[in-house]
Amino acid sequence: MTESLNTGLLLFLPYRALEFRVFEGLAAAGFDDFTPAQARVFQRIAPGGSRTTELAEQAGITKQSASFLVDQLERAGYVERVPDPADGRARLVRVAERGARSVEVSRGIVAEVEAEWTAHLGARRMAQLRTLLADLREITDPWR
């Protein structure tokens, strides 16, 4: 069956399973007001903060959509807007305390899933998979 599936789909299916597990675990931990659309913006926030225009570009959505999602995330306490120290007229979106707690929960769930995948594939093949995907990132991720 895998021969008929294209590589993109073969990459997407495990990602989608991982994403489902993360959202399921987040909801169980009390972070049940977080959507996949919001996550696509949230996960692109740089450590020091990001401008909404940067988040929109990296998420592949319009600035208006990114602003709408950031507004939702801000109301829910996942992010905060602060002045940009490099440009007093601009604002940065930063991860707020509640957002940081959700990231920690997510990391634990991802570690569990990766351990399951390692048990299934074996440590050598899992390491090869990670190496190959990191190599592909060099030509597929302009924001690396």
Protein backbone atom coordinates (compact mmCIF):
# COMPACT_ATOMS: atom_id res chain seq x y z
CA MET A 1 0.00 0.00 0.00
CA THR A 2 2.82 2.47 0.79
CA GLU A 3 4.03 2.25 -2.81
CA SER A 4 0.89 4.06 -3.97
CA LEU A 5 1.25 6.88 -1.45
CA ASN A 6 3.36 9.86 -2.40
CA THR A 7 6.16 11.03 -0.14
CA GLY A 8 4.25 14.10 0.99
CA LEU A 9 1.40 11.97 2.27
CA LEU A 10 3.84 9.55 3.92
CA LEU A 11 5.32 12.53 5.78
CA PHE A 12 1.93 14.04 6.59
CA LEU A 13 0.28 10.97 8.11
CA PRO A 14 2.72 10.55 11.02
CA TYR A 15 2.72 14.31 11.58
CA ARG A 16 -1.06 14.33 11.76
CA ALA A 17 -1.03 11.41 14.23
CA LEU A 18 1.50 13.27 16.38
CA GLU A 19 -0.54 16.47 16.20
CA PHE A 20 -3.68 14.59 17.24
CA ARG A 21 -1.89 13.13 20.27
CA VAL A 22 -0.54 16.54 21.26
CA PHE A 23 -3.98 18.18 21.08
CA GLU A 24 -5.55 15.28 22.96
CA GLY A 25 -2.91 15.58 25.70
CA LEU A 26 -3.17 19.37 25.82
CA ALA A 27 -6.94 19.12 26.30
CA ALA A 28 -6.49 16.56 29.08
CA ALA A 29 -4.05 18.95 30.78
CA GLY A 30 -6.55 21.82 30.68
CA PHE A 31 -5.43 23.47 27.45
CA ASP A 32 -8.64 22.63 25.61
CA ASP A 33 -9.08 26.01 23.95
CA PHE A 34 -6.19 25.70 21.51
CA THR A 35 -6.85 24.99 17.81
CA PRO A 36 -4.58 23.61 15.07
CA ALA A 37 -4.86 26.93 13.20
CA GLN A 38 -3.68 28.79 16.29
CA ALA A 39 -0.88 26.26 16.78
CA ARG A 40 0.47 26.88 13.28
CA VAL A 41 1.01 30.51 14.24
CA PHE A 42 2.02 29.85 17.87
CA GLN A 43 4.75 27.35 17.01
CA ARG A 44 6.49 29.93 14.82
CA ILE A 45 7.01 32.50 17.56
CA ALA A 46 10.75 33.15 17.90
CA PRO A 47 12.33 32.94 21.38
CA GLY A 48 12.51 36.74 21.66
CA GLY A 49 9.14 37.30 20.01
CA SER A 50 7.95 37.79 16.45
CA ARG A 51 6.03 40.39 14.52
CA THR A 52 2.62 39.34 13.26
CA THR A 53 3.76 39.85 9.66
CA GLU A 54 6.58 37.33 10.21
CA LEU A 55 4.17 34.82 11.73
CA ALA A 56 1.79 35.23 8.80
CA GLU A 57 4.55 34.71 6.25
CA GLN A 58 5.93 31.63 7.98
CA ALA A 59 2.47 30.10 8.48
CA GLY A 60 1.53 30.83 4.87
CA ILE A 61 -1.53 32.88 5.78
CA THR A 62 -2.60 36.50 5.40
CA LYS A 63 -1.59 39.13 7.93
CA GLN A 64 -5.28 39.57 8.77
CA SER A 65 -5.66 35.85 9.53
CA ALA A 66 -2.50 35.86 11.64
CA SER A 67 -3.73 38.93 13.56
CA PHE A 68 -7.08 37.23 14.18
CA LEU A 69 -5.38 34.06 15.48
CA VAL A 70 -2.95 36.06 17.64
CA ASP A 71 -5.92 37.98 19.09
CA GLN A 72 -7.53 34.66 20.04
CA LEU A 73 -4.29 33.36 21.55
CA GLU A 74 -3.83 36.59 23.50
CA ARG A 75 -7.37 36.48 24.91
CA ALA A 76 -6.77 32.87 26.03
CA GLY A 77 -3.49 33.86 27.71
CA TYR A 78 -1.11 31.92 25.44
CA VAL A 79 0.68 34.98 24.03
CA GLU A 80 1.25 38.62 24.84
CA ARG A 81 2.03 41.63 22.69
CA VAL A 82 4.94 43.80 23.78
CA PRO A 83 6.75 46.78 22.23
CA ASP A 84 9.50 45.82 19.78
CA PRO A 85 12.77 47.12 21.27
CA ALA A 86 14.16 47.55 17.73
CA ASP A 87 11.21 49.70 16.60
CA GLY A 88 9.02 51.49 19.13
CA ARG A 89 6.13 51.66 16.65
CA ALA A 90 6.00 47.89 16.19
CA ARG A 91 4.84 45.16 18.56
CA LEU A 92 6.15 41.68 19.11
CA VAL A 93 4.11 38.60 19.89
CA ARG A 94 5.73 36.60 22.71
CA VAL A 95 4.78 33.37 24.42
CA ALA A 96 3.04 34.16 27.72
CA GLU A 97 3.20 32.05 30.88
CA ARG A 98 0.17 29.92 29.96
CA GLY A 99 1.66 29.37 26.51
CA ALA A 100 4.97 28.28 28.05
CA ARG A 101 3.14 25.76 30.24
CA SER A 102 1.36 24.36 27.17
CA VAL A 103 4.72 24.04 25.39
CA GLU A 104 6.08 21.97 28.28
CA VAL A 105 3.06 19.64 28.15
CA SER A 106 3.48 19.36 24.37
CA ARG A 107 7.16 18.47 24.70
CA GLY A 108 6.33 15.62 27.04
CA ILE A 109 3.73 14.23 24.65
CA VAL A 110 6.08 14.52 21.67
CA ALA A 111 8.76 12.66 23.65
CA GLU A 112 6.26 9.86 24.37
CA VAL A 113 5.28 9.55 20.72
CA GLU A 114 8.90 9.62 19.56
CA ALA A 115 9.70 6.86 22.07
CA GLU A 116 6.87 4.78 20.61
CA TRP A 117 8.14 5.40 17.09
CA THR A 118 11.66 4.45 18.18
CA ALA A 119 10.33 1.24 19.73
CA HIS A 120 8.55 0.48 16.45
CA LEU A 121 11.37 1.39 14.06
CA GLY A 122 14.36 0.66 16.24
CA ALA A 123 16.89 3.23 17.42
CA ARG A 124 19.08 3.02 14.29
CA ARG A 125 16.23 3.52 11.84
CA MET A 126 14.71 6.31 13.94
CA ALA A 127 18.08 8.10 13.96
CA GLN A 128 18.30 7.64 10.18
CA LEU A 129 14.79 9.03 9.76
CA ARG A 130 15.64 12.11 11.84
CA THR A 131 18.86 12.63 9.86
CA LEU A 132 17.06 12.35 6.53
CA LEU A 133 14.30 14.72 7.59
CA ALA A 134 16.87 17.23 8.88
CA ASP A 135 18.64 16.99 5.51
CA LEU A 136 15.33 17.67 3.71
CA ARG A 137 14.74 20.67 5.95
CA GLU A 138 17.81 22.30 4.40
CA ILE A 139 15.92 22.67 1.11
CA THR A 140 12.33 22.94 2.38
CA ASP A 141 12.43 25.33 5.35
CA PRO A 142 13.38 28.89 4.43
CA TRP A 143 13.13 29.93 8.13
CA ARG A 144 15.51 27.35 9.59
